[in-house]
PDB file of N, CA and C in Angstrom:
ATOM      1  N   MET A   1    -121.895 -96.500 150.206  1.00  0.00           N
ATOM      2  CA  MET A   1    -120.522 -96.961 150.190  1.00  0.00           C
ATOM      3  C   MET A   1    -120.378 -98.112 151.194  1.00  0.00           C
ATOM      4  N   LEU A   2    -119.586 -99.112 150.829  1.00  0.00           N
ATOM      5  CA  LEU A   2    -119.376-100.269 151.694  1.00  0.00           C
ATOM      6  C   LEU A   2    -118.373 -99.945 152.793  1.00  0.00           C
ATOM      7  N   SER A   3    -118.661-100.442 153.981  1.00  0.00           N
ATOM      8  CA  SER A   3    -117.693-100.294 155.064  1.00  0.00           C
ATOM      9  C   SER A   3    -116.593-101.328 154.871  1.00  0.00           C
ATOM     10  N   LYS A   4    -115.487-101.138 155.551  1.00  0.00           N
ATOM     11  CA  LYS A   4    -114.376-102.090 155.420  1.00  0.00           C
ATOM     12  C   LYS A   4    -114.768-103.467 155.933  1.00  0.00           C
ATOM     13  N   ASP A   5    -115.643-103.520 156.943  1.00  0.00           N
ATOM     14  CA  ASP A   5    -116.090-104.804 157.472  1.00  0.00           C
ATOM     15  C   ASP A   5    -116.961-105.547 156.464  1.00  0.00           C
ATOM     16  N   ASN A   6    -117.874-104.808 155.804  1.00  0.00           N
ATOM     17  CA  ASN A   6    -118.714-105.430 154.782  1.00  0.00           C
ATOM     18  C   ASN A   6    -117.892-105.876 153.579  1.00  0.00           C
ATOM     19  N   LEU A   7    -116.930-105.075 153.193  1.00  0.00           N
ATOM     20  CA  LEU A   7    -116.060-105.431 152.079  1.00  0.00           C
ATOM     21  C   LEU A   7    -115.245-106.674 152.407  1.00  0.00           C
ATOM     22  N   PHE A   8    -114.766-106.750 153.637  1.00  0.00           N
ATOM     23  CA  PHE A   8    -114.018-107.923 154.101  1.00  0.00           C
ATOM     24  C   PHE A   8    -114.898-109.171 154.006  1.00  0.00           C
ATOM     25  N   ALA A   9    -116.141-109.071 154.471  1.00  0.00           N
ATOM     26  CA  ALA A   9    -117.060-110.207 154.425  1.00  0.00           C
ATOM     27  C   ALA A   9    -117.366-110.609 152.985  1.00  0.00           C
ATOM     28  N   LEU A  10    -117.590-109.632 152.124  1.00  0.00           N
ATOM     29  CA  LEU A  10    -117.904-109.922 150.729  1.00  0.00           C
ATOM     30  C   LEU A  10    -116.729-110.543 149.983  1.00  0.00           C
ATOM     31  N   SER A  11    -115.518-110.212 150.389  1.00  0.00           N
ATOM     32  CA  SER A  11    -114.337-110.752 149.714  1.00  0.00           C
ATOM     33  C   SER A  11    -114.178-112.247 149.935  1.00  0.00           C
ATOM     34  N   LEU A  12    -114.878-112.776 150.902  1.00  0.00           N
ATOM     35  CA  LEU A  12    -114.802-114.207 151.183  1.00  0.00           C
ATOM     36  C   LEU A  12    -115.372-115.031 150.025  1.00  0.00           C
ATOM     37  N   PHE A  13    -116.405-114.538 149.378  1.00  0.00           N
ATOM     38  CA  PHE A  13    -117.052-115.310 148.309  1.00  0.00           C
ATOM     39  C   PHE A  13    -116.151-115.519 147.088  1.00  0.00           C
ATOM     40  N   PRO A  14    -115.468-114.493 146.576  1.00  0.00           N
ATOM     41  CA  PRO A  14    -114.541-114.759 145.473  1.00  0.00           C
ATOM     42  C   PRO A  14    -113.393-115.691 145.895  1.00  0.00           C
ATOM     43  N   TYR A  15    -112.970-115.565 147.149  1.00  0.00           N
ATOM     44  CA  TYR A  15    -111.876-116.430 147.608  1.00  0.00           C
ATOM     45  C   TYR A  15    -112.336-117.886 147.683  1.00  0.00           C
ATOM     46  N   LEU A  16    -113.558-118.107 148.136  1.00  0.00           N
ATOM     47  CA  LEU A  16    -114.093-119.471 148.166  1.00  0.00           C
ATOM     48  C   LEU A  16    -114.201-120.034 146.750  1.00  0.00           C
ATOM     49  N   GLY A  17    -114.566-119.184 145.794  1.00  0.00           N
ATOM     50  CA  GLY A  17    -114.588-119.606 144.398  1.00  0.00           C
ATOM     51  C   GLY A  17    -113.196-119.969 143.896  1.00  0.00           C
ATOM     52  N   PHE A  18    -112.230-119.155 144.272  1.00  0.00           N
ATOM     53  CA  PHE A  18    -110.834-119.434 143.924  1.00  0.00           C
ATOM     54  C   PHE A  18    -110.396-120.786 144.494  1.00  0.00           C
ATOM     55  N   LEU A  19    -110.718-121.033 145.761  1.00  0.00           N
ATOM     56  CA  LEU A  19    -110.354-122.315 146.387  1.00  0.00           C
ATOM     57  C   LEU A  19    -111.024-123.483 145.677  1.00  0.00           C
ATOM     58  N   TRP A  20    -112.279-123.307 145.331  1.00  0.00           N
ATOM     59  CA  TRP A  20    -113.001-124.365 144.636  1.00  0.00           C
ATOM     60  C   TRP A  20    -112.333-124.687 143.302  1.00  0.00           C
ATOM     61  N   LEU A  21    -111.977-123.635 142.563  1.00  0.00           N
ATOM     62  CA  LEU A  21    -111.353-123.842 141.251  1.00  0.00           C
ATOM     63  C   LEU A  21    -109.983-124.493 141.340  1.00  0.00           C
ATOM     64  N   ILE A  22    -109.138-124.024 142.259  1.00  0.00           N
ATOM     65  CA  ILE A  22    -107.789-124.607 142.315  1.00  0.00           C
ATOM     66  C   ILE A  22    -107.815-126.016 142.904  1.00  0.00           C
ATOM     67  N   THR A  23    -108.779-126.284 143.759  1.00  0.00           N
ATOM     68  CA  THR A  23    -108.910-127.646 144.286  1.00  0.00           C
ATOM     69  C   THR A  23    -109.395-128.579 143.187  1.00  0.00           C
ATOM     70  N   ARG A  24    -110.369-128.122 142.447  1.00  0.00           N
ATOM     71  CA  ARG A  24    -110.963-128.933 141.380  1.00  0.00           C
ATOM     72  C   ARG A  24    -109.968-129.198 140.247  1.00  0.00           C
ATOM     73  N   SER A  25    -109.076-128.235 139.999  1.00  0.00           N
ATOM     74  CA  SER A  25    -108.122-128.403 138.894  1.00  0.00           C
ATOM     75  C   SER A  25    -107.164-129.561 139.147  1.00  0.00           C
ATOM     76  N   GLY A  26    -106.855-129.823 140.405  1.00  0.00           N
ATOM     77  CA  GLY A  26    -105.930-130.903 140.731  1.00  0.00           C
ATOM     78  C   GLY A  26    -104.484-130.595 140.375  1.00  0.00           C
ATOM     79  N   LYS A  27    -104.192-129.375 139.985  1.00  0.00           N
ATOM     80  CA  LYS A  27    -102.842-129.022 139.554  1.00  0.00           C
ATOM     81  C   LYS A  27    -102.064-128.216 140.587  1.00  0.00           C
ATOM     82  N   THR A  28    -102.730-127.815 141.648  1.00  0.00           N
ATOM     83  CA  THR A  28    -102.061-127.014 142.679  1.00  0.00           C
ATOM     84  C   THR A  28    -101.311-127.950 143.617  1.00  0.00           C
ATOM     85  N   PRO A  29    -100.053-127.644 143.908  1.00  0.00           N
ATOM     86  CA  PRO A  29     -99.298-128.485 144.852  1.00  0.00           C
ATOM     87  C   PRO A  29    -100.043-128.601 146.192  1.00  0.00           C
ATOM     88  N   ARG A  30    -100.056-129.797 146.749  1.00  0.00           N
ATOM     89  CA  ARG A  30    -100.828-130.076 147.967  1.00  0.00           C
ATOM     90  C   ARG A  30    -100.467-129.133 149.106  1.00  0.00           C
ATOM     91  N   LEU A  31     -99.190-128.905 149.338  1.00  0.00           N
ATOM     92  CA  LEU A  31     -98.768-128.034 150.438  1.00  0.00           C
ATOM     93  C   LEU A  31     -99.252-126.599 150.218  1.00  0.00           C
ATOM     94  N   ALA A  32     -99.192-126.145 148.979  1.00  0.00           N
ATOM     95  CA  ALA A  32     -99.690-124.798 148.665  1.00  0.00           C
ATOM     96  C   ALA A  32    -101.201-124.733 148.864  1.00  0.00           C
ATOM     97  N   LEU A  33    -101.894-125.780 148.474  1.00  0.00           N
ATOM     98  CA  LEU A  33    -103.342-125.828 148.655  1.00  0.00           C
ATOM     99  C   LEU A  33    -103.709-125.763 150.136  1.00  0.00           C
ATOM    100  N   ILE A  34    -102.969-126.475 150.957  1.00  0.00           N
ATOM    101  CA  ILE A  34    -103.180-126.407 152.409  1.00  0.00           C
ATOM    102  C   ILE A  34    -102.961-124.976 152.890  1.00  0.00           C
ATOM    103  N   GLY A  35    -101.937-124.318 152.380  1.00  0.00           N
ATOM    104  CA  GLY A  35    -101.667-122.933 152.745  1.00  0.00           C
ATOM    105  C   GLY A  35    -102.804-122.004 152.365  1.00  0.00           C
ATOM    106  N   PHE A  36    -103.374-122.214 151.168  1.00  0.00           N
ATOM    107  CA  PHE A  36    -104.505-121.387 150.747  1.00  0.00           C
ATOM    108  C   PHE A  36    -105.721-121.617 151.654  1.00  0.00           C
ATOM    109  N   TYR A  37    -105.933-122.863 152.063  1.00  0.00           N
ATOM    110  CA  TYR A  37    -107.041-123.152 152.978  1.00  0.00           C
ATOM    111  C   TYR A  37    -106.764-122.611 154.374  1.00  0.00           C
ATOM    112  N   LEU A  38    -105.506-122.589 154.772  1.00  0.00           N
ATOM    113  CA  LEU A  38    -105.151-122.049 156.089  1.00  0.00           C
ATOM    114  C   LEU A  38    -105.486-120.562 156.189  1.00  0.00           C
ATOM    115  N   LEU A  39    -105.531-119.901 155.047  1.00  0.00           N
ATOM    116  CA  LEU A  39    -105.932-118.491 155.062  1.00  0.00           C
ATOM    117  C   LEU A  39    -107.354-118.334 155.607  1.00  0.00           C
ATOM    118  N   LEU A  40    -108.185-119.344 155.399  1.00  0.00           N
ATOM    119  CA  LEU A  40    -109.532-119.312 155.973  1.00  0.00           C
ATOM    120  C   LEU A  40    -109.476-119.378 157.497  1.00  0.00           C
ATOM    121  N   VAL A  41    -108.495-120.101 158.031  1.00  0.00           N
ATOM    122  CA  VAL A  41    -108.311-120.148 159.484  1.00  0.00           C
ATOM    123  C   VAL A  41    -107.925-118.756 159.987  1.00  0.00           C
ATOM    124  N   PHE A  42    -107.058-118.079 159.232  1.00  0.00           N
ATOM    125  CA  PHE A  42    -106.682-116.714 159.586  1.00  0.00           C
ATOM    126  C   PHE A  42    -107.921-115.826 159.664  1.00  0.00           C
ATOM    127  N   VAL A  43    -108.800-115.933 158.679  1.00  0.00           N
ATOM    128  CA  VAL A  43    -110.028-115.135 158.675  1.00  0.00           C
ATOM    129  C   VAL A  43    -110.900-115.523 159.868  1.00  0.00           C
ATOM    130  N   ALA A  44    -111.032-116.827 160.112  1.00  0.00           N
ATOM    131  CA  ALA A  44    -111.868-117.305 161.212  1.00  0.00           C
ATOM    132  C   ALA A  44    -111.335-116.855 162.573  1.00  0.00           C
ATOM    133  N   VAL A  45    -110.032-116.696 162.694  1.00  0.00           N
ATOM    134  CA  VAL A  45    -109.429-116.249 163.958  1.00  0.00           C
ATOM    135  C   VAL A  45    -109.497-114.727 164.077  1.00  0.00           C
ATOM    136  N   THR A  46    -109.308-114.047 162.965  1.00  0.00           N
ATOM    137  CA  THR A  46    -109.263-112.586 162.981  1.00  0.00           C
ATOM    138  C   THR A  46    -110.597-111.960 163.389  1.00  0.00           C
ATOM    139  N   ILE A  47    -111.678-112.509 162.921  1.00  0.00           N
ATOM    140  CA  ILE A  47    -112.988-111.921 163.220  1.00  0.00           C
ATOM    141  C   ILE A  47    -113.286-111.934 164.720  1.00  0.00           C
ATOM    142  N   PRO A  48    -113.208-113.086 165.396  1.00  0.00           N
ATOM    143  CA  PRO A  48    -113.468-113.046 166.844  1.00  0.00           C
ATOM    144  C   PRO A  48    -112.403-112.270 167.616  1.00  0.00           C
ATOM    145  N   ALA A  49    -111.170-112.292 167.126  1.00  0.00           N
ATOM    146  CA  ALA A  49    -110.117-111.516 167.798  1.00  0.00           C
ATOM    147  C   ALA A  49    -110.417-110.025 167.710  1.00  0.00           C
ATOM    148  N   GLY A  50    -110.928-109.588 166.560  1.00  0.00           N
ATOM    149  CA  GLY A  50    -111.302-108.187 166.396  1.00  0.00           C
ATOM    150  C   GLY A  50    -112.462-107.798 167.304  1.00  0.00           C
ATOM    151  N   ILE A  51    -113.417-108.687 167.423  1.00  0.00           N
ATOM    152  CA  ILE A  51    -114.558-108.431 168.310  1.00  0.00           C
ATOM    153  C   ILE A  51    -114.085-108.369 169.758  1.00  0.00           C
ATOM    154  N   TYR A  52    -113.216-109.293 170.136  1.00  0.00           N
ATOM    155  CA  TYR A  52    -112.681-109.318 171.507  1.00  0.00           C
ATOM    156  C   TYR A  52    -111.903-108.033 171.805  1.00  0.00           C
ATOM    157  N   ALA A  53    -111.087-107.612 170.848  1.00  0.00           N
ATOM    158  CA  ALA A  53    -110.305-106.379 171.039  1.00  0.00           C
ATOM    159  C   ALA A  53    -111.229-105.180 171.238  1.00  0.00           C
ATOM    160  N   GLN A  54    -112.304-105.138 170.475  1.00  0.00           N
ATOM    161  CA  GLN A  54    -113.243-104.020 170.585  1.00  0.00           C
ATOM    162  C   GLN A  54    -113.989-104.041 171.917  1.00  0.00           C
ATOM    163  N   ILE A  55    -114.449-105.220 172.314  1.00  0.00           N
ATOM    164  CA  ILE A  55    -115.240-105.320 173.550  1.00  0.00           C
ATOM    165  C   ILE A  55    -114.359-105.188 174.798  1.00  0.00           C
ATOM    166  N   HIS A  56    -113.250-105.915 174.825  1.00  0.00           N
ATOM    167  CA  HIS A  56    -112.426-105.972 176.032  1.00  0.00           C
ATOM    168  C   HIS A  56    -111.513-104.754 176.197  1.00  0.00           C
ATOM    169  N   TYR A  57    -110.959-104.254 175.076  1.00  0.00           N
ATOM    170  CA  TYR A  57    -110.000-103.150 175.140  1.00  0.00           C
ATOM    171  C   TYR A  57    -110.545-101.833 174.586  1.00  0.00           C
ATOM    172  N   GLY A  58    -111.658-101.905 173.881  1.00  0.00           N
ATOM    173  CA  GLY A  58    -112.213-100.705 173.265  1.00  0.00           C
ATOM    174  C   GLY A  58    -111.359-100.180 172.123  1.00  0.00           C
ATOM    175  N   LYS A  59    -110.597-101.077 171.493  1.00  0.00           N
ATOM    176  CA  LYS A  59    -109.696-100.694 170.400  1.00  0.00           C
ATOM    177  C   LYS A  59    -109.878-101.628 169.218  1.00  0.00           C
ATOM    178  N   GLU A  60    -109.381-101.179 168.070  1.00  0.00           N
ATOM    179  CA  GLU A  60    -109.361-102.057 166.902  1.00  0.00           C
ATOM    180  C   GLU A  60    -108.284-103.118 167.101  1.00  0.00           C
ATOM    181  N   LEU A  61    -108.446-104.231 166.409  1.00  0.00           N
ATOM    182  CA  LEU A  61    -107.514-105.353 166.522  1.00  0.00           C
ATOM    183  C   LEU A  61    -106.072-104.919 166.256  1.00  0.00           C
ATOM    184  N   ALA A  62    -105.872-104.075 165.268  1.00  0.00           N
ATOM    185  CA  ALA A  62    -104.522-103.628 164.899  1.00  0.00           C
ATOM    186  C   ALA A  62    -103.826-102.879 166.031  1.00  0.00           C
ATOM    187  N   ASN A  63    -104.587-102.400 167.001  1.00  0.00           N
ATOM    188  CA  ASN A  63    -104.004-101.633 168.107  1.00  0.00           C
ATOM    189  C   ASN A  63    -103.807-102.441 169.376  1.00  0.00           C
ATOM    190  N   VAL A  64    -104.079-103.734 169.324  1.00  0.00           N
ATOM    191  CA  VAL A  64    -103.834-104.619 170.465  1.00  0.00           C
ATOM    192  C   VAL A  64    -102.765-105.608 169.993  1.00  0.00           C
ATOM    193  N   ASP A  65    -101.516-105.255 170.245  1.00  0.00           N
ATOM    194  CA  ASP A  65    -100.384-105.966 169.647  1.00  0.00           C
ATOM    195  C   ASP A  65    -100.396-107.474 169.870  1.00  0.00           C
ATOM    196  N   TRP A  66    -100.584-107.915 171.105  1.00  0.00           N
ATOM    197  CA  TRP A  66    -100.488-109.359 171.367  1.00  0.00           C
ATOM    198  C   TRP A  66    -101.588-110.128 170.643  1.00  0.00           C
ATOM    199  N   LEU A  67    -102.749-109.542 170.553  1.00  0.00           N
ATOM    200  CA  LEU A  67    -103.876-110.196 169.900  1.00  0.00           C
ATOM    201  C   LEU A  67    -103.718-110.150 168.376  1.00  0.00           C
ATOM    202  N   HIS A  68    -103.279-109.005 167.879  1.00  0.00           N
ATOM    203  CA  HIS A  68    -103.060-108.846 166.442  1.00  0.00           C
ATOM    204  C   HIS A  68    -101.952-109.779 165.964  1.00  0.00           C
ATOM    205  N   GLY A  69    -100.865-109.834 166.710  1.00  0.00           N
ATOM    206  CA  GLY A  69     -99.758-110.712 166.344  1.00  0.00           C
ATOM    207  C   GLY A  69    -100.154-112.173 166.349  1.00  0.00           C
ATOM    208  N   SER A  70    -100.976-112.553 167.309  1.00  0.00           N
ATOM    209  CA  SER A  70    -101.437-113.944 167.380  1.00  0.00           C
ATOM    210  C   SER A  70    -102.293-114.296 166.166  1.00  0.00           C
ATOM    211  N   ALA A  71    -103.162-113.390 165.758  1.00  0.00           N
ATOM    212  CA  ALA A  71    -103.996-113.633 164.581  1.00  0.00           C
ATOM    213  C   ALA A  71    -103.136-113.670 163.315  1.00  0.00           C
ATOM    214  N   GLU A  72    -102.168-112.770 163.224  1.00  0.00           N
ATOM    215  CA  GLU A  72    -101.307-112.694 162.037  1.00  0.00           C
ATOM    216  C   GLU A  72    -100.428-113.937 161.882  1.00  0.00           C
ATOM    217  N   LEU A  73    -100.233-114.676 162.956  1.00  0.00           N
ATOM    218  CA  LEU A  73     -99.457-115.913 162.887  1.00  0.00           C
ATOM    219  C   LEU A  73    -100.044-116.857 161.837  1.00  0.00           C
ATOM    220  N   PHE A  74    -101.376-116.912 161.773  1.00  0.00           N
ATOM    221  CA  PHE A  74    -102.017-117.801 160.800  1.00  0.00           C
ATOM    222  C   PHE A  74    -101.804-117.321 159.372  1.00  0.00           C
ATOM    223  N   LEU A  75    -101.734-116.027 159.168  1.00  0.00           N
ATOM    224  CA  LEU A  75    -101.439-115.487 157.844  1.00  0.00           C
ATOM    225  C   LEU A  75    -100.006-115.833 157.447  1.00  0.00           C
ATOM    226  N   THR A  76     -99.103-115.702 158.392  1.00  0.00           N
ATOM    227  CA  THR A  76     -97.705-116.039 158.139  1.00  0.00           C
ATOM    228  C   THR A  76     -97.549-117.514 157.790  1.00  0.00           C
ATOM    229  N   LEU A  77     -98.188-118.382 158.561  1.00  0.00           N
ATOM    230  CA  LEU A  77     -98.119-119.818 158.280  1.00  0.00           C
ATOM    231  C   LEU A  77     -98.709-120.140 156.911  1.00  0.00           C
ATOM    232  N   SER A  78     -99.803-119.484 156.570  1.00  0.00           N
ATOM    233  CA  SER A  78    -100.424-119.683 155.269  1.00  0.00           C
ATOM    234  C   SER A  78     -99.448-119.317 154.150  1.00  0.00           C
ATOM    235  N   ASN A  79     -98.819-118.159 154.270  1.00  0.00           N
ATOM    236  CA  ASN A  79     -97.867-117.711 153.243  1.00  0.00           C
ATOM    237  C   ASN A  79     -96.674-118.647 153.125  1.00  0.00           C
ATOM    238  N   ILE A  80     -96.180-119.128 154.254  1.00  0.00           N
ATOM    239  CA  ILE A  80     -95.036-120.048 154.238  1.00  0.00           C
ATOM    240  C   ILE A  80     -95.406-121.343 153.520  1.00  0.00           C
ATOM    241  N   LEU A  81     -96.575-121.891 153.831  1.00  0.00           N
ATOM    242  CA  LEU A  81     -96.986-123.146 153.191  1.00  0.00           C
ATOM    243  C   LEU A  81     -97.203-122.978 151.691  1.00  0.00           C
ATOM    244  N   VAL A  82     -97.783-121.860 151.282  1.00  0.00           N
ATOM    245  CA  VAL A  82     -97.970-121.607 149.844  1.00  0.00           C
ATOM    246  C   VAL A  82     -96.613-121.528 149.151  1.00  0.00           C
ATOM    247  N   ALA A  83     -95.695-120.776 149.737  1.00  0.00           N
ATOM    248  CA  ALA A  83     -94.360-120.629 149.126  1.00  0.00           C
ATOM    249  C   ALA A  83     -93.622-121.960 149.079  1.00  0.00           C
ATOM    250  N   LEU A  84     -93.647-122.713 150.169  1.00  0.00           N
ATOM    251  CA  LEU A  84     -92.954-124.014 150.191  1.00  0.00           C
ATOM    252  C   LEU A  84     -93.596-125.009 149.225  1.00  0.00           C
ATOM    253  N   GLY A  85     -94.911-124.952 149.115  1.00  0.00           N
ATOM    254  CA  GLY A  85     -95.596-125.855 148.193  1.00  0.00           C
ATOM    255  C   GLY A  85     -95.200-125.608 146.744  1.00  0.00           C
ATOM    256  N   PHE A  86     -95.171-124.352 146.340  1.00  0.00           N
ATOM    257  CA  PHE A  86     -94.777-124.048 144.966  1.00  0.00           C
ATOM    258  C   PHE A  86     -93.273-124.262 144.752  1.00  0.00           C
ATOM    259  N   ARG A  87     -92.485-124.015 145.779  1.00  0.00           N
ATOM    260  CA  ARG A  87     -91.041-124.286 145.682  1.00  0.00           C
ATOM    261  C   ARG A  87     -90.799-125.780 145.431  1.00  0.00           C
ATOM    262  N   GLN A  88     -91.504-126.605 146.203  1.00  0.00           N
ATOM    263  CA  GLN A  88     -91.378-128.047 146.043  1.00  0.00           C
ATOM    264  C   GLN A  88     -91.815-128.482 144.642  1.00  0.00           C
ATOM    265  N   ALA A  89     -92.882-127.898 144.125  1.00  0.00           N
ATOM    266  CA  ALA A  89     -93.362-128.238 142.787  1.00  0.00           C
ATOM    267  C   ALA A  89     -92.349-127.842 141.717  1.00  0.00           C
ATOM    268  N   ILE A  90     -91.702-126.699 141.890  1.00  0.00           N
ATOM    269  CA  ILE A  90     -90.687-126.254 140.937  1.00  0.00           C
ATOM    270  C   ILE A  90     -89.496-127.209 140.955  1.00  0.00           C
ATOM    271  N   ILE A  91     -89.062-127.592 142.133  1.00  0.00           N
ATOM    272  CA  ILE A  91     -87.931-128.518 142.254  1.00  0.00           C
ATOM    273  C   ILE A  91     -88.270-129.852 141.602  1.00  0.00           C
ATOM    274  N   GLU A  92     -89.470-130.367 141.875  1.00  0.00           N
ATOM    275  CA  GLU A  92     -89.883-131.642 141.272  1.00  0.00           C
ATOM    276  C   GLU A  92     -89.974-131.538 139.761  1.00  0.00           C
ATOM    277  N   HIS A  93     -90.441-130.424 139.254  1.00  0.00           N
ATOM    278  CA  HIS A  93     -90.531-130.225 137.811  1.00  0.00           C
ATOM    279  C   HIS A  93     -89.140-130.183 137.182  1.00  0.00           C
ATOM    280  N   GLN A  94     -88.212-129.504 137.846  1.00  0.00           N
ATOM    281  CA  GLN A  94     -86.848-129.412 137.321  1.00  0.00           C
ATOM    282  C   GLN A  94     -86.166-130.773 137.323  1.00  0.00           C
ATOM    283  N   GLN A  95     -86.431-131.583 138.325  1.00  0.00           N
ATOM    284  CA  GLN A  95     -85.820-132.912 138.403  1.00  0.00           C
ATOM    285  C   GLN A  95     -86.427-133.859 137.368  1.00  0.00           C
ATOM    286  N   ALA A  96     -87.697-133.666 137.044  1.00  0.00           N
ATOM    287  CA  ALA A  96     -88.383-134.530 136.089  1.00  0.00           C
ATOM    288  C   ALA A  96     -87.988-134.237 134.641  1.00  0.00           C
ATOM    289  N   SER A  97     -87.662-132.992 134.351  1.00  0.00           N
ATOM    290  CA  SER A  97     -87.272-132.655 132.985  1.00  0.00           C
ATOM    291  C   SER A  97     -85.777-132.348 132.959  1.00  0.00           C
ATOM    292  N   PRO A  98     -85.026-133.134 132.161  1.00  0.00           N
ATOM    293  CA  PRO A  98     -83.570-132.920 132.096  1.00  0.00           C
ATOM    294  C   PRO A  98     -83.243-131.551 131.484  1.00  0.00           C
ATOM    295  N   PRO A  99     -82.153-130.933 131.936  1.00  0.00           N
ATOM    296  CA  PRO A  99     -81.773-129.626 131.380  1.00  0.00           C
ATOM    297  C   PRO A  99     -81.372-129.765 129.912  1.00  0.00           C
ATOM    298  N   GLU A 100     -81.712-128.726 129.148  1.00  0.00           N
ATOM    299  CA  GLU A 100     -81.362-128.711 127.734  1.00  0.00           C
ATOM    300  C   GLU A 100     -79.915-128.291 127.570  1.00  0.00           C
ATOM    301  N   SER A 101     -79.175-128.988 126.712  1.00  0.00           N
ATOM    302  CA  SER A 101     -77.790-128.601 126.454  1.00  0.00           C
ATOM    303  C   SER A 101     -77.756-127.671 125.257  1.00  0.00           C
ATOM    304  N   LYS A 102     -76.829-126.722 125.317  1.00  0.00           N
ATOM    305  CA  LYS A 102     -76.732-125.717 124.253  1.00  0.00           C
ATOM    306  C   LYS A 102     -75.648-126.064 123.288  1.00  0.00           C
TER     307      LYS A 102
END
């Protein structure tokens, strides 16, 4: 059976494939694409933060509030950028196509 750490590491490969596909398609709003890439920063920050929490505090990252919250900031920023990017794309699409009259 896979440990949660191994599963976390393995999940990176499908996500990298997802990033490659949406980048290559050229159809993803730029701001949303930045948000999806920022999720990699969250992963890059979370791993050393988890190691630091274990070594320095002897606890899992989730149990060291200040460190966990700092790492989660990148997840929050990623989600905000994805949402704003798609919101902007929807607004631009609505402005480009006139509303249909009934």
